[in-house]
Protein backbone atom coordinates (compact mmCIF):
# COMPACT_ATOMS: atom_id res chain seq x y z
CA MET A 1 186.41 96.91 104.53
CA ALA A 2 186.95 100.68 104.09
CA LYS A 3 184.47 101.28 106.94
CA ARG A 4 186.35 99.03 109.31
CA GLY A 5 189.63 100.70 108.39
CA LEU A 6 188.09 104.11 109.01
CA ILE A 7 186.83 103.15 112.46
CA LEU A 8 190.17 101.68 113.38
CA THR A 9 191.93 104.85 112.24
CA ILE A 10 189.67 107.01 114.41
CA ALA A 11 190.16 104.70 117.38
CA ALA A 12 193.93 104.78 116.89
CA VAL A 13 193.98 108.59 116.65
CA LEU A 14 191.89 108.88 119.82
CA THR A 15 194.06 106.37 121.65
CA LEU A 16 197.26 108.15 120.69
CA ALA A 17 195.83 111.58 121.49
CA LEU A 18 194.42 110.43 124.83
CA PRO A 19 196.96 108.20 126.56
CA LEU A 20 195.78 106.21 129.55
CA THR A 21 196.82 107.98 132.72
CA VAL A 22 198.90 105.73 134.93
CA HIS A 23 200.11 106.91 138.31
CA ALA A 24 203.71 105.98 139.00
CA GLN A 25 202.93 104.74 142.51
CA SER A 26 199.95 102.52 141.73
CA ARG A 27 200.37 101.47 138.10
CA GLY A 28 196.63 100.93 138.28
CA SER A 29 193.74 101.70 136.01
CA SER A 30 192.09 105.03 135.40
CA LEU A 31 189.06 106.16 133.47
CA ASN A 32 190.24 107.21 130.02
CA ARG A 33 187.02 108.33 128.32
CA THR A 34 183.28 108.02 128.22
CA MET A 35 181.52 107.97 124.85
CA LEU A 36 177.89 109.02 124.30
CA VAL A 37 175.96 108.49 121.08
CA VAL A 38 174.07 111.71 120.41
CA GLY A 39 171.28 112.79 118.06
CA ASP A 40 172.40 116.38 117.41
CA ILE A 41 176.12 116.75 117.92
CA ASP A 42 176.17 120.55 117.64
CA LYS A 43 173.59 120.90 120.45
CA SER A 44 175.49 118.39 122.57
CA VAL A 45 178.84 120.12 122.03
CA ASP A 46 177.24 123.47 122.94
CA PHE A 47 175.74 121.98 126.14
CA TYR A 48 179.02 120.52 127.39
CA GLN A 49 181.05 123.59 126.39
CA ARG A 50 178.66 125.70 128.52
CA LEU A 51 179.88 123.58 131.44
CA GLY A 52 183.48 124.50 130.65
CA LEU A 53 184.63 121.46 128.67
CA LEU A 54 187.00 122.25 125.83
CA LYS A 55 186.93 120.67 122.37
CA ILE A 56 190.21 118.86 121.78
CA SER A 57 189.28 117.08 118.55
CA ASP A 58 186.49 117.08 115.99
CA ILE A 59 186.64 114.36 113.35
CA ALA A 60 184.02 113.99 110.62
CA GLY A 61 184.07 111.08 108.26
CA THR A 62 182.24 109.27 105.49
CA ASP A 63 182.08 105.63 104.57
CA SER A 64 184.15 106.29 101.44
CA GLN A 65 187.11 107.79 103.30
CA GLU A 66 190.09 105.68 104.23
CA GLY A 67 190.01 105.06 107.96
CA GLY A 68 186.58 106.73 108.52
CA ILE A 69 183.52 105.93 110.57
CA TYR A 70 182.05 103.45 113.01
CA GLY A 71 180.01 100.84 111.18
CA ALA A 72 177.49 98.21 112.27
CA ALA A 73 180.23 95.58 112.02
CA ASP A 74 182.18 97.49 114.69
CA LEU A 75 179.39 98.58 117.04
CA PRO A 76 175.75 97.46 117.29
CA LEU A 77 174.45 100.54 115.44
CA THR A 78 170.98 100.78 113.91
CA ALA A 79 172.50 100.62 110.41
CA ASP A 80 175.76 101.24 108.58
CA PRO A 81 176.24 104.99 108.56
CA LYS A 82 177.36 107.00 105.55
CA GLN A 83 178.56 109.91 107.71
CA SER A 84 179.72 110.33 111.26
CA ARG A 85 181.31 112.86 113.54
CA VAL A 86 183.25 112.27 116.74
CA VAL A 87 183.99 115.23 119.04
CA THR A 88 186.23 114.84 122.07
CA LEU A 89 185.86 117.23 125.01
CA LYS A 90 188.05 117.61 128.10
CA GLY A 91 188.06 119.68 131.24
CA ASN A 92 191.04 121.83 132.13
CA ASP A 93 192.04 119.56 135.01
CA GLU A 94 194.70 116.91 134.29
CA ARG A 95 193.02 114.37 136.57
CA SER A 96 189.89 114.23 134.45
CA GLY A 97 189.16 111.87 131.60
CA VAL A 98 187.46 112.93 128.40
CA LEU A 99 183.93 112.88 127.07
CA VAL A 100 183.56 111.68 123.49
CA LEU A 101 180.36 112.54 121.59
CA MET A 102 179.59 110.35 118.58
CA TRP A 103 176.97 111.14 115.96
CA TYR A 104 176.06 109.08 112.92
CA ASP A 105 173.49 109.67 110.20
CA HIS A 106 170.90 107.01 111.04
CA PRO A 107 168.15 107.54 113.58
CA PRO A 108 168.91 106.27 117.07
CA LEU A 109 167.03 103.45 118.71
CA PRO A 110 164.36 104.52 121.17
CA SER A 111 165.22 104.17 124.84
CA ALA A 112 165.64 100.49 125.62
CA ARG A 113 164.26 100.88 129.12
CA GLY A 114 161.05 102.65 128.06
CA ASN A 115 160.97 104.68 131.28
CA LEU A 116 161.43 108.32 130.41
CA VAL A 117 160.62 109.53 133.93
CA GLY A 118 163.25 107.75 136.02
CA ILE A 119 166.67 106.28 135.62
CA GLY A 120 167.62 102.66 135.96
CA THR A 121 170.11 99.96 135.09
CA GLY A 122 172.00 100.77 131.93
CA ASP A 123 171.56 104.54 132.21
CA VAL A 124 174.51 106.88 132.47
CA ILE A 125 174.99 109.84 134.81
CA ILE A 126 177.86 112.08 133.76
CA GLY A 127 179.55 114.02 136.60
CA ILE A 128 181.16 117.39 135.87
CA GLU A 129 182.88 119.65 138.40
CA VAL A 130 182.58 123.39 137.73
CA PRO A 131 184.15 126.42 139.45
CA ASP A 132 180.88 128.44 139.51
CA ILE A 133 177.62 126.47 139.59
CA GLN A 134 175.39 129.56 139.40
CA ALA A 135 177.15 130.72 136.21
CA SER A 136 176.79 127.20 134.74
CA TYR A 137 173.10 127.15 135.70
CA GLY A 138 172.61 130.48 133.93
CA ARG A 139 174.40 129.36 130.75
CA LEU A 140 172.39 126.13 130.60
CA SER A 141 169.12 127.97 131.28
CA GLN A 142 169.79 130.17 128.24
CA ILE A 143 169.45 127.15 125.94
CA GLY A 144 166.32 125.73 127.60
CA THR A 145 168.02 122.92 129.51
CA ARG A 146 165.68 120.71 131.55
CA PHE A 147 166.75 120.46 135.17
CA GLN A 148 165.92 117.64 137.56
CA ARG A 149 167.29 119.70 140.45
CA GLN A 150 168.41 123.32 140.53
CA PRO A 151 171.56 124.17 142.49
CA VAL A 152 171.33 123.11 146.15
CA ARG A 153 173.85 122.66 148.95
CA PHE A 154 175.03 119.18 149.91
CA THR A 155 177.09 117.72 152.71
CA ASP A 156 178.45 114.20 152.55
CA ALA A 157 179.50 113.08 156.03
CA ALA A 158 181.09 109.88 154.69
CA THR A 159 183.63 111.79 152.59
CA ALA A 160 183.67 115.04 154.59
CA SER A 161 182.83 116.93 151.41
CA SER A 162 180.32 119.68 150.81
CA GLY A 163 179.35 122.17 148.16
CA GLN A 164 176.55 122.71 145.69
CA HIS A 165 175.21 120.42 143.02
CA MET A 166 172.44 120.27 140.43
CA LEU A 167 171.06 117.69 138.03
CA ALA A 168 170.40 118.53 134.38
CA TYR A 169 169.59 116.61 131.21
CA ASP A 170 171.77 117.02 128.14
CA PRO A 171 170.08 117.36 124.71
CA ASP A 172 169.78 113.56 124.41
CA GLY A 173 168.34 113.05 127.89
CA HIS A 174 171.54 111.86 129.63
CA MET A 175 171.53 113.00 133.23
CA VAL A 176 174.43 115.25 134.18
CA GLU A 177 175.36 115.93 137.80
CA ILE A 178 177.10 119.30 138.04
CA ILE A 179 179.08 119.89 141.23
CA GLN A 180 180.85 122.89 142.74
CA PRO A 181 182.69 121.55 145.79
CA ASP A 182 183.50 123.84 148.67
CA ARG A 183 187.15 124.77 148.62
CA THR A 184 188.84 124.70 151.97
CA PRO A 185 191.80 127.04 152.31
CA ALA A 186 195.15 125.31 152.35
CA LYS A 187 196.69 125.03 155.80
CA PRO A 188 199.99 126.91 156.17
């Protein structure tokens, strides 16, 4: 019961700290957060901070703390964890949601799809916009990041957008599309 209380406390803190963005005109839905389960949270935090995301919370917990960690009764984890850590990262743009990294002390399940070469149904591609893609490429290269595609130019006729983008894998193998859109000068 302490585990369930701990998970609910973390969820409540995250929900209060990260209110759902609602636009006054539409009163519609918006993406609040994306959570990734990671094997080495410090490596993952370093990776995403090199892309310019800022840490806005870092909560570690144990199963003996009041209000603590995700347990197998809450999520389909491999086992009930004794320790966990949840780090929330956010860009510096108000229109963006947050990325939550969750680590727990039991080994992760192997990839369910069994295809380590390609991506398919159930996989996640995280999209991050950066102001300087070459600088981001350099910072990620310093830590041995595996790239699917180095920075290249793109033009999307359907949306009239252009810029540069690259594809990289985070420390847990999640694909990350990094984009630097062209900025058109504002018309007077």
